[in-house]
N, C-alpha and C. Protein backbone atom coordinates (compact mmCIF):
# COMPACT_ATOMS: atom_id res chain seq x y z
N MET A 1 152.51 112.96 43.50
CA MET A 1 152.04 112.09 44.57
C MET A 1 152.20 112.79 45.90
N SER A 2 151.17 112.73 46.73
CA SER A 2 151.21 113.41 48.02
C SER A 2 151.93 112.59 49.08
N GLY A 3 152.18 111.34 48.82
CA GLY A 3 152.88 110.50 49.77
C GLY A 3 152.03 109.36 50.26
N PHE A 4 152.69 108.31 50.68
CA PHE A 4 152.02 107.11 51.18
C PHE A 4 152.86 106.57 52.32
N SER A 5 152.26 106.39 53.49
CA SER A 5 153.00 105.93 54.67
C SER A 5 152.46 104.60 55.15
N ILE A 6 153.40 103.72 55.51
CA ILE A 6 153.06 102.37 55.95
C ILE A 6 153.73 102.10 57.30
N ILE A 7 152.94 101.68 58.27
CA ILE A 7 153.50 101.23 59.55
C ILE A 7 153.42 99.71 59.57
N ILE A 8 154.53 99.08 59.90
CA ILE A 8 154.59 97.62 59.99
C ILE A 8 154.83 97.29 61.45
N ALA A 9 153.93 96.51 62.03
CA ALA A 9 154.00 96.18 63.45
C ALA A 9 154.14 94.68 63.63
N GLY A 10 155.08 94.30 64.49
CA GLY A 10 155.26 92.88 64.75
C GLY A 10 156.15 92.68 65.95
N VAL A 11 156.69 91.49 66.05
CA VAL A 11 157.64 91.20 67.12
C VAL A 11 158.95 90.77 66.49
N GLY A 12 160.02 90.86 67.26
CA GLY A 12 161.34 90.50 66.76
C GLY A 12 161.35 89.10 66.18
N GLY A 13 161.96 88.95 65.02
CA GLY A 13 162.05 87.65 64.37
C GLY A 13 161.00 87.43 63.31
N GLN A 14 160.04 88.36 63.16
CA GLN A 14 158.99 88.18 62.16
C GLN A 14 159.32 88.81 60.81
N GLY A 15 160.42 89.52 60.71
CA GLY A 15 160.81 90.07 59.42
C GLY A 15 160.21 91.42 59.09
N THR A 16 159.90 92.22 60.11
CA THR A 16 159.34 93.55 59.84
C THR A 16 160.37 94.44 59.13
N VAL A 17 161.62 94.34 59.52
CA VAL A 17 162.65 95.19 58.93
C VAL A 17 162.85 94.82 57.46
N LEU A 18 162.90 93.55 57.13
CA LEU A 18 163.02 93.14 55.73
C LEU A 18 161.82 93.65 54.94
N ALA A 19 160.62 93.52 55.49
CA ALA A 19 159.42 93.98 54.79
C ALA A 19 159.51 95.48 54.50
N SER A 20 159.98 96.26 55.46
CA SER A 20 160.08 97.70 55.25
C SER A 20 161.11 98.03 54.17
N ARG A 21 162.19 97.29 54.15
CA ARG A 21 163.23 97.55 53.15
C ARG A 21 162.78 97.16 51.74
N VAL A 22 162.00 96.09 51.66
CA VAL A 22 161.46 95.68 50.35
C VAL A 22 160.51 96.76 49.82
N LEU A 23 159.63 97.25 50.68
CA LEU A 23 158.69 98.31 50.27
C LEU A 23 159.44 99.57 49.82
N ALA A 24 160.43 99.97 50.61
CA ALA A 24 161.19 101.17 50.28
C ALA A 24 161.96 101.00 48.98
N GLN A 25 162.60 99.85 48.80
CA GLN A 25 163.38 99.61 47.58
C GLN A 25 162.47 99.55 46.36
N ALA A 26 161.27 98.99 46.50
CA ALA A 26 160.32 98.96 45.39
C ALA A 26 159.93 100.37 44.99
N ALA A 27 159.74 101.24 45.98
CA ALA A 27 159.40 102.64 45.71
C ALA A 27 160.54 103.32 44.96
N VAL A 28 161.77 103.11 45.43
CA VAL A 28 162.94 103.72 44.80
C VAL A 28 163.07 103.24 43.35
N ALA A 29 162.77 101.96 43.12
CA ALA A 29 162.83 101.40 41.76
C ALA A 29 161.85 102.10 40.82
N GLN A 30 160.82 102.69 41.39
CA GLN A 30 159.82 103.41 40.60
C GLN A 30 160.08 104.91 40.57
N GLY A 31 161.25 105.33 41.07
CA GLY A 31 161.62 106.73 41.04
C GLY A 31 161.00 107.57 42.14
N LEU A 32 160.51 106.91 43.20
CA LEU A 32 159.88 107.62 44.31
C LEU A 32 160.86 107.74 45.47
N ALA A 33 160.78 108.84 46.19
CA ALA A 33 161.57 108.99 47.41
C ALA A 33 161.04 108.02 48.45
N ALA A 34 161.91 107.46 49.27
CA ALA A 34 161.48 106.54 50.32
C ALA A 34 162.41 106.65 51.52
N ARG A 35 161.81 106.61 52.71
CA ARG A 35 162.58 106.63 53.96
C ARG A 35 162.02 105.54 54.88
N THR A 36 162.91 104.94 55.65
CA THR A 36 162.47 103.93 56.61
C THR A 36 163.11 104.19 57.96
N ALA A 37 162.48 103.67 59.00
CA ALA A 37 163.03 103.74 60.36
C ALA A 37 162.40 102.62 61.16
N GLU A 38 163.09 102.19 62.20
CA GLU A 38 162.57 101.15 63.08
C GLU A 38 162.54 101.63 64.52
N ASN A 39 161.49 101.24 65.22
CA ASN A 39 161.41 101.39 66.68
C ASN A 39 161.42 99.98 67.23
N ILE A 40 162.45 99.64 67.95
CA ILE A 40 162.58 98.28 68.47
C ILE A 40 162.54 98.34 69.99
N GLY A 41 161.46 97.75 70.55
CA GLY A 41 161.26 97.81 71.99
C GLY A 41 162.27 96.98 72.76
N MET A 42 162.57 95.82 72.28
CA MET A 42 163.55 94.95 72.92
C MET A 42 164.47 94.43 71.83
N ALA A 43 165.74 94.54 72.04
CA ALA A 43 166.69 94.09 71.02
C ALA A 43 166.86 92.57 71.10
N GLN A 44 165.76 91.87 70.98
CA GLN A 44 165.77 90.42 71.04
C GLN A 44 164.54 89.89 70.34
N ARG A 45 164.51 88.62 70.07
CA ARG A 45 163.34 88.02 69.44
C ARG A 45 162.13 88.16 70.38
N GLU A 46 161.00 88.40 69.75
CA GLU A 46 159.70 88.52 70.41
C GLU A 46 159.50 89.83 71.15
N GLY A 47 160.42 90.79 71.03
CA GLY A 47 160.17 92.14 71.52
C GLY A 47 159.37 92.90 70.47
N SER A 48 158.69 93.94 70.88
CA SER A 48 157.87 94.74 69.97
C SER A 48 158.75 95.48 68.95
N VAL A 49 158.33 95.45 67.67
CA VAL A 49 159.06 96.13 66.61
C VAL A 49 158.07 96.89 65.73
N GLN A 50 158.39 98.13 65.44
CA GLN A 50 157.63 98.92 64.47
C GLN A 50 158.60 99.37 63.39
N SER A 51 158.22 99.16 62.14
CA SER A 51 158.99 99.69 61.02
C SER A 51 158.13 100.71 60.30
N HIS A 52 158.72 101.86 60.04
CA HIS A 52 158.02 102.96 59.36
C HIS A 52 158.55 103.06 57.94
N VAL A 53 157.64 103.22 56.98
CA VAL A 53 158.02 103.42 55.58
C VAL A 53 157.24 104.62 55.07
N ARG A 54 157.97 105.62 54.58
CA ARG A 54 157.33 106.81 54.01
C ARG A 54 157.78 106.94 52.56
N ILE A 55 156.81 106.98 51.67
CA ILE A 55 157.07 106.98 50.24
C ILE A 55 156.55 108.28 49.62
N GLY A 56 157.38 108.88 48.76
CA GLY A 56 156.96 110.06 48.02
C GLY A 56 156.90 111.33 48.84
N GLN A 57 157.61 111.37 49.96
CA GLN A 57 157.62 112.53 50.85
C GLN A 57 159.07 112.89 51.18
N PRO A 58 159.83 113.41 50.21
CA PRO A 58 161.26 113.61 50.42
C PRO A 58 161.61 114.63 51.51
N ASP A 59 160.70 115.51 51.84
CA ASP A 59 161.00 116.54 52.84
C ASP A 59 160.60 116.13 54.25
N PHE A 60 160.04 114.95 54.43
CA PHE A 60 159.57 114.50 55.74
C PHE A 60 160.60 113.57 56.38
N GLY A 61 160.59 113.51 57.71
CA GLY A 61 161.43 112.56 58.43
C GLY A 61 160.90 111.15 58.25
N PRO A 62 161.66 110.15 58.67
CA PRO A 62 161.25 108.77 58.44
C PRO A 62 160.16 108.24 59.38
N LEU A 63 159.98 108.86 60.55
CA LEU A 63 158.96 108.35 61.48
C LEU A 63 157.59 108.91 61.13
N ILE A 64 156.60 108.04 61.11
CA ILE A 64 155.24 108.44 60.80
C ILE A 64 154.59 108.98 62.07
N PRO A 65 154.01 110.17 62.02
CA PRO A 65 153.37 110.72 63.22
C PRO A 65 152.04 110.00 63.51
N ALA A 66 151.52 110.20 64.70
CA ALA A 66 150.22 109.63 65.07
C ALA A 66 149.18 110.04 64.04
N GLY A 67 148.37 109.08 63.62
CA GLY A 67 147.32 109.36 62.65
C GLY A 67 147.82 109.64 61.25
N GLY A 68 149.06 109.20 60.93
CA GLY A 68 149.64 109.54 59.63
C GLY A 68 149.82 108.40 58.66
N ALA A 69 149.58 107.15 59.07
CA ALA A 69 149.82 106.01 58.18
C ALA A 69 148.59 105.70 57.34
N ASP A 70 148.82 105.50 56.06
CA ASP A 70 147.75 105.10 55.14
C ASP A 70 147.44 103.61 55.27
N LEU A 71 148.46 102.84 55.65
CA LEU A 71 148.34 101.38 55.71
C LEU A 71 149.10 100.87 56.93
N MET A 72 148.48 99.92 57.63
CA MET A 72 149.18 99.22 58.71
C MET A 72 149.23 97.74 58.34
N LEU A 73 150.45 97.20 58.35
CA LEU A 73 150.65 95.76 58.21
C LEU A 73 151.04 95.26 59.59
N ALA A 74 150.17 94.50 60.20
CA ALA A 74 150.44 93.98 61.54
C ALA A 74 150.64 92.48 61.45
N PHE A 75 151.82 92.05 61.87
CA PHE A 75 152.16 90.63 61.80
C PHE A 75 151.67 89.87 63.03
N GLU A 76 151.07 90.58 63.99
CA GLU A 76 150.62 89.98 65.24
C GLU A 76 149.50 90.87 65.81
N PRO A 77 148.39 90.28 66.31
CA PRO A 77 147.23 91.08 66.74
C PRO A 77 147.50 92.10 67.85
N ALA A 78 148.23 91.73 68.89
CA ALA A 78 148.49 92.68 69.98
C ALA A 78 149.34 93.85 69.48
N GLU A 79 150.24 93.58 68.54
CA GLU A 79 151.05 94.65 67.98
C GLU A 79 150.20 95.56 67.09
N ALA A 80 149.15 95.01 66.49
CA ALA A 80 148.20 95.84 65.74
C ALA A 80 147.52 96.83 66.68
N VAL A 81 147.08 96.33 67.83
CA VAL A 81 146.44 97.19 68.82
C VAL A 81 147.42 98.26 69.29
N ARG A 82 148.64 97.86 69.56
CA ARG A 82 149.67 98.79 70.06
C ARG A 82 149.97 99.91 69.05
N SER A 83 149.92 99.59 67.76
CA SER A 83 150.31 100.55 66.73
C SER A 83 149.13 101.26 66.06
N LEU A 84 147.93 100.96 66.47
CA LEU A 84 146.75 101.48 65.79
C LEU A 84 146.68 103.00 65.76
N GLY A 85 147.22 103.67 66.78
CA GLY A 85 147.19 105.13 66.82
C GLY A 85 147.97 105.80 65.71
N ILE A 86 148.84 105.04 65.04
CA ILE A 86 149.63 105.61 63.94
C ILE A 86 148.82 105.60 62.64
N LEU A 87 147.81 104.73 62.57
CA LEU A 87 146.98 104.64 61.37
C LEU A 87 146.04 105.83 61.29
N LYS A 88 145.92 106.41 60.11
CA LYS A 88 145.03 107.56 59.95
C LYS A 88 143.57 107.09 59.90
N PRO A 89 142.63 107.95 60.28
CA PRO A 89 141.21 107.60 60.15
C PRO A 89 140.92 107.25 58.69
N GLY A 90 140.27 106.13 58.49
CA GLY A 90 140.00 105.67 57.13
C GLY A 90 141.15 104.91 56.50
N GLY A 91 142.28 104.79 57.22
CA GLY A 91 143.40 104.00 56.71
C GLY A 91 143.06 102.52 56.71
N VAL A 92 143.86 101.74 56.02
CA VAL A 92 143.63 100.30 55.89
C VAL A 92 144.55 99.54 56.84
N ALA A 93 143.99 98.57 57.54
CA ALA A 93 144.78 97.71 58.43
C ALA A 93 144.67 96.27 57.96
N LEU A 94 145.82 95.64 57.76
CA LEU A 94 145.90 94.20 57.48
C LEU A 94 146.54 93.55 58.69
N VAL A 95 145.85 92.61 59.31
CA VAL A 95 146.31 92.03 60.57
C VAL A 95 146.40 90.52 60.46
N ASN A 96 147.58 89.97 60.71
CA ASN A 96 147.75 88.53 60.79
C ASN A 96 146.97 88.01 61.99
N THR A 97 146.26 86.92 61.82
CA THR A 97 145.40 86.41 62.89
C THR A 97 146.15 85.63 63.97
N ALA A 98 147.36 85.17 63.70
CA ALA A 98 148.08 84.32 64.66
C ALA A 98 148.73 85.14 65.77
N ALA A 99 148.46 84.75 67.00
CA ALA A 99 149.01 85.44 68.17
C ALA A 99 150.37 84.87 68.56
N ILE A 100 151.21 85.74 69.10
CA ILE A 100 152.46 85.33 69.74
C ILE A 100 152.35 85.82 71.18
N HIS A 101 152.14 84.91 72.09
CA HIS A 101 151.93 85.29 73.48
C HIS A 101 153.22 85.73 74.16
N PRO A 102 153.17 86.88 74.82
CA PRO A 102 154.34 87.33 75.57
C PRO A 102 154.65 86.36 76.73
N VAL A 103 155.86 86.44 77.22
CA VAL A 103 156.28 85.57 78.33
C VAL A 103 155.37 85.75 79.54
N THR A 104 154.93 86.97 79.80
CA THR A 104 154.07 87.21 80.96
C THR A 104 152.75 86.44 80.86
N VAL A 105 152.25 86.25 79.63
CA VAL A 105 151.03 85.46 79.43
C VAL A 105 151.34 83.99 79.66
N THR A 106 152.44 83.53 79.10
CA THR A 106 152.85 82.14 79.25
C THR A 106 153.03 81.77 80.73
N LEU A 107 153.54 82.73 81.52
CA LEU A 107 153.75 82.50 82.95
C LEU A 107 152.48 82.70 83.78
N GLY A 108 151.39 83.13 83.12
CA GLY A 108 150.14 83.34 83.83
C GLY A 108 150.05 84.65 84.58
N LYS A 109 150.93 85.60 84.27
CA LYS A 109 150.94 86.88 84.99
C LYS A 109 150.12 87.96 84.29
N SER A 110 149.71 87.71 83.07
CA SER A 110 148.81 88.63 82.36
C SER A 110 147.98 87.79 81.40
N ARG A 111 147.01 88.45 80.77
CA ARG A 111 146.17 87.68 79.85
C ARG A 111 146.26 88.26 78.44
N TYR A 112 145.89 87.45 77.50
CA TYR A 112 145.92 87.83 76.08
C TYR A 112 144.56 87.44 75.52
N ASP A 113 143.66 88.42 75.38
CA ASP A 113 142.29 88.16 74.94
C ASP A 113 142.16 88.49 73.46
N GLU A 114 142.30 87.46 72.63
CA GLU A 114 142.27 87.66 71.18
C GLU A 114 140.93 88.19 70.70
N ALA A 115 139.83 87.70 71.26
CA ALA A 115 138.51 88.16 70.83
C ALA A 115 138.32 89.64 71.16
N GLU A 116 138.77 90.05 72.32
CA GLU A 116 138.66 91.46 72.71
C GLU A 116 139.50 92.35 71.79
N MET A 117 140.70 91.90 71.44
CA MET A 117 141.55 92.67 70.53
C MET A 117 140.91 92.79 69.16
N ARG A 118 140.34 91.70 68.69
CA ARG A 118 139.68 91.71 67.39
C ARG A 118 138.52 92.71 67.37
N ARG A 119 137.71 92.70 68.44
CA ARG A 119 136.58 93.64 68.54
C ARG A 119 137.09 95.08 68.55
N PHE A 120 138.15 95.33 69.32
CA PHE A 120 138.71 96.67 69.41
C PHE A 120 139.18 97.15 68.04
N LEU A 121 139.89 96.29 67.31
CA LEU A 121 140.39 96.66 65.99
C LEU A 121 139.24 96.92 65.01
N GLN A 122 138.19 96.12 65.08
CA GLN A 122 137.05 96.31 64.18
C GLN A 122 136.32 97.61 64.50
N GLU A 123 136.30 97.97 65.77
CA GLU A 123 135.63 99.21 66.17
C GLU A 123 136.45 100.43 65.77
N LYS A 124 137.75 100.39 65.99
CA LYS A 124 138.60 101.55 65.75
C LYS A 124 139.08 101.67 64.30
N ALA A 125 139.13 100.56 63.59
CA ALA A 125 139.55 100.56 62.18
C ALA A 125 138.55 99.72 61.39
N PRO A 126 137.40 100.31 61.08
CA PRO A 126 136.30 99.53 60.48
C PRO A 126 136.66 98.75 59.22
N GLY A 127 137.66 99.20 58.48
CA GLY A 127 138.05 98.49 57.27
C GLY A 127 139.11 97.43 57.49
N VAL A 128 139.37 97.06 58.75
CA VAL A 128 140.42 96.09 59.04
C VAL A 128 140.16 94.77 58.32
N LYS A 129 141.23 94.18 57.83
CA LYS A 129 141.14 92.87 57.20
C LYS A 129 142.05 91.92 57.98
N PHE A 130 141.49 90.81 58.40
CA PHE A 130 142.26 89.80 59.12
C PHE A 130 142.73 88.75 58.13
N VAL A 131 144.03 88.52 58.12
CA VAL A 131 144.66 87.61 57.17
C VAL A 131 145.26 86.42 57.92
N PRO A 132 144.96 85.20 57.50
CA PRO A 132 145.58 84.04 58.15
C PRO A 132 147.03 83.87 57.70
N GLY A 133 147.83 84.87 57.99
CA GLY A 133 149.19 84.95 57.48
C GLY A 133 150.08 83.78 57.86
N THR A 134 150.00 83.37 59.12
CA THR A 134 150.84 82.26 59.57
C THR A 134 150.43 80.96 58.89
N GLU A 135 149.13 80.73 58.78
CA GLU A 135 148.64 79.52 58.10
C GLU A 135 149.10 79.51 56.64
N LEU A 136 149.01 80.66 55.99
CA LEU A 136 149.42 80.73 54.58
C LEU A 136 150.93 80.57 54.43
N ALA A 137 151.70 81.06 55.39
CA ALA A 137 153.15 80.87 55.36
C ALA A 137 153.50 79.39 55.47
N VAL A 138 152.80 78.68 56.35
CA VAL A 138 153.00 77.23 56.48
C VAL A 138 152.63 76.53 55.17
N GLU A 139 151.50 76.96 54.60
CA GLU A 139 151.07 76.38 53.32
C GLU A 139 152.10 76.62 52.22
N ALA A 140 152.73 77.79 52.26
CA ALA A 140 153.76 78.12 51.26
C ALA A 140 155.00 77.26 51.43
N GLY A 141 155.23 76.77 52.66
CA GLY A 141 156.38 75.90 52.89
C GLY A 141 157.35 76.36 53.95
N ASN A 142 157.10 77.55 54.56
CA ASN A 142 158.00 78.03 55.60
C ASN A 142 157.29 79.06 56.46
N ILE A 143 157.13 78.76 57.74
CA ILE A 143 156.43 79.67 58.65
C ILE A 143 157.10 81.04 58.73
N LYS A 144 158.38 81.11 58.41
CA LYS A 144 159.11 82.38 58.48
C LYS A 144 158.74 83.34 57.36
N THR A 145 157.85 82.94 56.45
CA THR A 145 157.46 83.83 55.35
C THR A 145 156.18 84.62 55.65
N VAL A 146 155.81 84.71 56.92
CA VAL A 146 154.62 85.51 57.29
C VAL A 146 154.76 86.93 56.74
N ASN A 147 155.95 87.52 56.84
CA ASN A 147 156.15 88.88 56.35
C ASN A 147 155.88 88.97 54.84
N VAL A 148 156.25 87.95 54.11
CA VAL A 148 156.04 87.95 52.66
C VAL A 148 154.56 87.76 52.33
N VAL A 149 153.88 86.91 53.09
CA VAL A 149 152.43 86.76 52.92
C VAL A 149 151.75 88.12 53.12
N MET A 150 152.15 88.84 54.16
CA MET A 150 151.53 90.14 54.44
C MET A 150 151.87 91.17 53.36
N LEU A 151 153.09 91.12 52.82
CA LEU A 151 153.43 91.99 51.70
C LEU A 151 152.55 91.67 50.48
N GLY A 152 152.35 90.38 50.24
CA GLY A 152 151.48 89.97 49.14
C GLY A 152 150.05 90.47 49.34
N ALA A 153 149.56 90.39 50.58
CA ALA A 153 148.21 90.88 50.87
C ALA A 153 148.12 92.37 50.62
N ALA A 154 149.14 93.11 51.01
CA ALA A 154 149.17 94.56 50.76
C ALA A 154 149.16 94.84 49.26
N ALA A 155 149.97 94.09 48.52
CA ALA A 155 150.01 94.27 47.07
C ALA A 155 148.66 93.97 46.44
N GLY A 156 147.99 92.95 46.96
CA GLY A 156 146.69 92.55 46.43
C GLY A 156 145.59 93.57 46.63
N LEU A 157 145.77 94.47 47.58
CA LEU A 157 144.77 95.52 47.80
C LEU A 157 144.75 96.55 46.68
N GLY A 158 145.89 96.70 46.00
CA GLY A 158 145.97 97.66 44.91
C GLY A 158 146.07 99.11 45.35
N ILE A 159 146.52 99.34 46.58
CA ILE A 159 146.62 100.72 47.07
C ILE A 159 148.06 101.22 47.19
N LEU A 160 149.02 100.35 46.98
CA LEU A 160 150.42 100.77 47.05
C LEU A 160 150.75 101.64 45.84
N PRO A 161 151.73 102.52 45.95
CA PRO A 161 152.08 103.41 44.83
C PRO A 161 152.91 102.73 43.74
N PHE A 162 152.87 101.41 43.69
CA PHE A 162 153.53 100.62 42.65
C PHE A 162 152.80 99.29 42.57
N GLY A 163 152.98 98.58 41.48
CA GLY A 163 152.26 97.34 41.27
C GLY A 163 152.85 96.14 41.99
N PRO A 164 152.07 95.07 42.10
CA PRO A 164 152.54 93.85 42.78
C PRO A 164 153.78 93.25 42.13
N GLU A 165 153.89 93.37 40.81
CA GLU A 165 155.04 92.77 40.12
C GLU A 165 156.34 93.46 40.53
N VAL A 166 156.28 94.77 40.77
CA VAL A 166 157.46 95.52 41.21
C VAL A 166 157.86 95.07 42.61
N LEU A 167 156.88 94.92 43.49
CA LEU A 167 157.15 94.50 44.87
C LEU A 167 157.74 93.09 44.90
N LEU A 168 157.15 92.18 44.13
CA LEU A 168 157.66 90.81 44.11
C LEU A 168 159.07 90.75 43.51
N GLU A 169 159.29 91.46 42.43
CA GLU A 169 160.63 91.48 41.80
C GLU A 169 161.68 92.02 42.77
N THR A 170 161.31 93.07 43.51
CA THR A 170 162.23 93.65 44.49
C THR A 170 162.53 92.66 45.60
N LEU A 171 161.50 92.01 46.12
CA LEU A 171 161.68 91.00 47.17
C LEU A 171 162.63 89.90 46.70
N LEU A 172 162.36 89.35 45.53
CA LEU A 172 163.16 88.22 45.05
C LEU A 172 164.61 88.60 44.81
N ALA A 173 164.87 89.88 44.53
CA ALA A 173 166.24 90.34 44.33
C ALA A 173 166.98 90.52 45.66
N MET A 174 166.24 90.54 46.78
CA MET A 174 166.85 90.83 48.08
C MET A 174 167.04 89.60 48.96
N ILE A 175 166.59 88.44 48.50
CA ILE A 175 166.68 87.25 49.35
C ILE A 175 167.55 86.18 48.68
N PRO A 176 168.05 85.23 49.46
CA PRO A 176 168.91 84.18 48.89
C PRO A 176 168.17 83.32 47.87
N ALA A 177 168.90 82.87 46.87
CA ALA A 177 168.33 82.07 45.78
C ALA A 177 167.63 80.81 46.30
N LYS A 178 168.14 80.21 47.37
CA LYS A 178 167.58 78.95 47.85
C LYS A 178 166.16 79.10 48.41
N VAL A 179 165.73 80.32 48.70
CA VAL A 179 164.37 80.51 49.25
C VAL A 179 163.45 81.29 48.30
N LEU A 180 163.84 81.41 47.05
CA LEU A 180 163.03 82.17 46.09
C LEU A 180 161.65 81.55 45.89
N ASP A 181 161.60 80.24 45.68
CA ASP A 181 160.32 79.59 45.37
C ASP A 181 159.32 79.69 46.51
N VAL A 182 159.78 79.43 47.74
CA VAL A 182 158.85 79.47 48.87
C VAL A 182 158.35 80.89 49.10
N ASN A 183 159.21 81.87 48.90
CA ASN A 183 158.80 83.26 49.08
C ASN A 183 157.85 83.72 47.97
N LYS A 184 158.09 83.27 46.77
CA LYS A 184 157.18 83.60 45.67
C LYS A 184 155.80 83.02 45.95
N ARG A 185 155.77 81.80 46.43
CA ARG A 185 154.49 81.15 46.76
C ARG A 185 153.80 81.89 47.91
N ALA A 186 154.55 82.28 48.92
CA ALA A 186 153.98 83.01 50.05
C ALA A 186 153.38 84.34 49.59
N PHE A 187 154.08 85.03 48.71
CA PHE A 187 153.59 86.31 48.17
C PHE A 187 152.28 86.10 47.42
N GLU A 188 152.23 85.08 46.58
CA GLU A 188 151.03 84.79 45.80
C GLU A 188 149.85 84.42 46.70
N LEU A 189 150.11 83.63 47.73
CA LEU A 189 149.04 83.28 48.67
C LEU A 189 148.53 84.53 49.41
N GLY A 190 149.45 85.41 49.75
CA GLY A 190 149.05 86.66 50.39
C GLY A 190 148.19 87.51 49.48
N MET A 191 148.57 87.60 48.21
CA MET A 191 147.76 88.37 47.26
C MET A 191 146.35 87.80 47.18
N GLY A 192 146.26 86.50 47.19
CA GLY A 192 144.94 85.86 47.14
C GLY A 192 144.10 86.12 48.39
N ALA A 193 144.78 86.39 49.50
CA ALA A 193 144.08 86.62 50.77
C ALA A 193 143.67 88.08 50.96
N ALA A 194 144.06 88.95 50.04
CA ALA A 194 143.80 90.39 50.21
C ALA A 194 142.32 90.72 50.35
N GLY A 195 141.48 89.91 49.77
CA GLY A 195 140.04 90.17 49.86
C GLY A 195 139.38 89.58 51.08
N VAL A 196 140.18 88.94 51.96
CA VAL A 196 139.63 88.28 53.15
C VAL A 196 138.86 89.27 54.01
């Protein structure tokens, strides 16, 4: 295997770090080398967060260089735009459609143009898929499972270096028993949304 790199973009509190650890642990369970790293813009909720996952590249560092990611999982549209330069040409982008407006937007000091961001992503990443991740997380029973919905969507694409059952089994082994059912449902809904 030549390697597979995944950039996960979101904001603090969305579970990007858990998602990266689940992906890495699933790879390790399959006998593949895996490295992870996080870039955290603000050490607080709603600050920009990037998690890097590199699979099958034991001699490489954990940070994905510009144009090096095969897959981008973006839990928020503006963070997708911010991280798009890490995705390689022809790479796949899965973007949650729900926006989280920064404080500056809420205060009226800047604007957040969702339609413009969507057009930009479609132009720069023609294969982008928009996933109603937040809606599906609510449908699953907990809005905090957006990260699991997005993992399910990634698994549903069939491009990860391991199968969906490995990813789901790894996830369920890493979370508390009381939230197993809602997370399993979120994963399944995400898999169903992969063709969106």
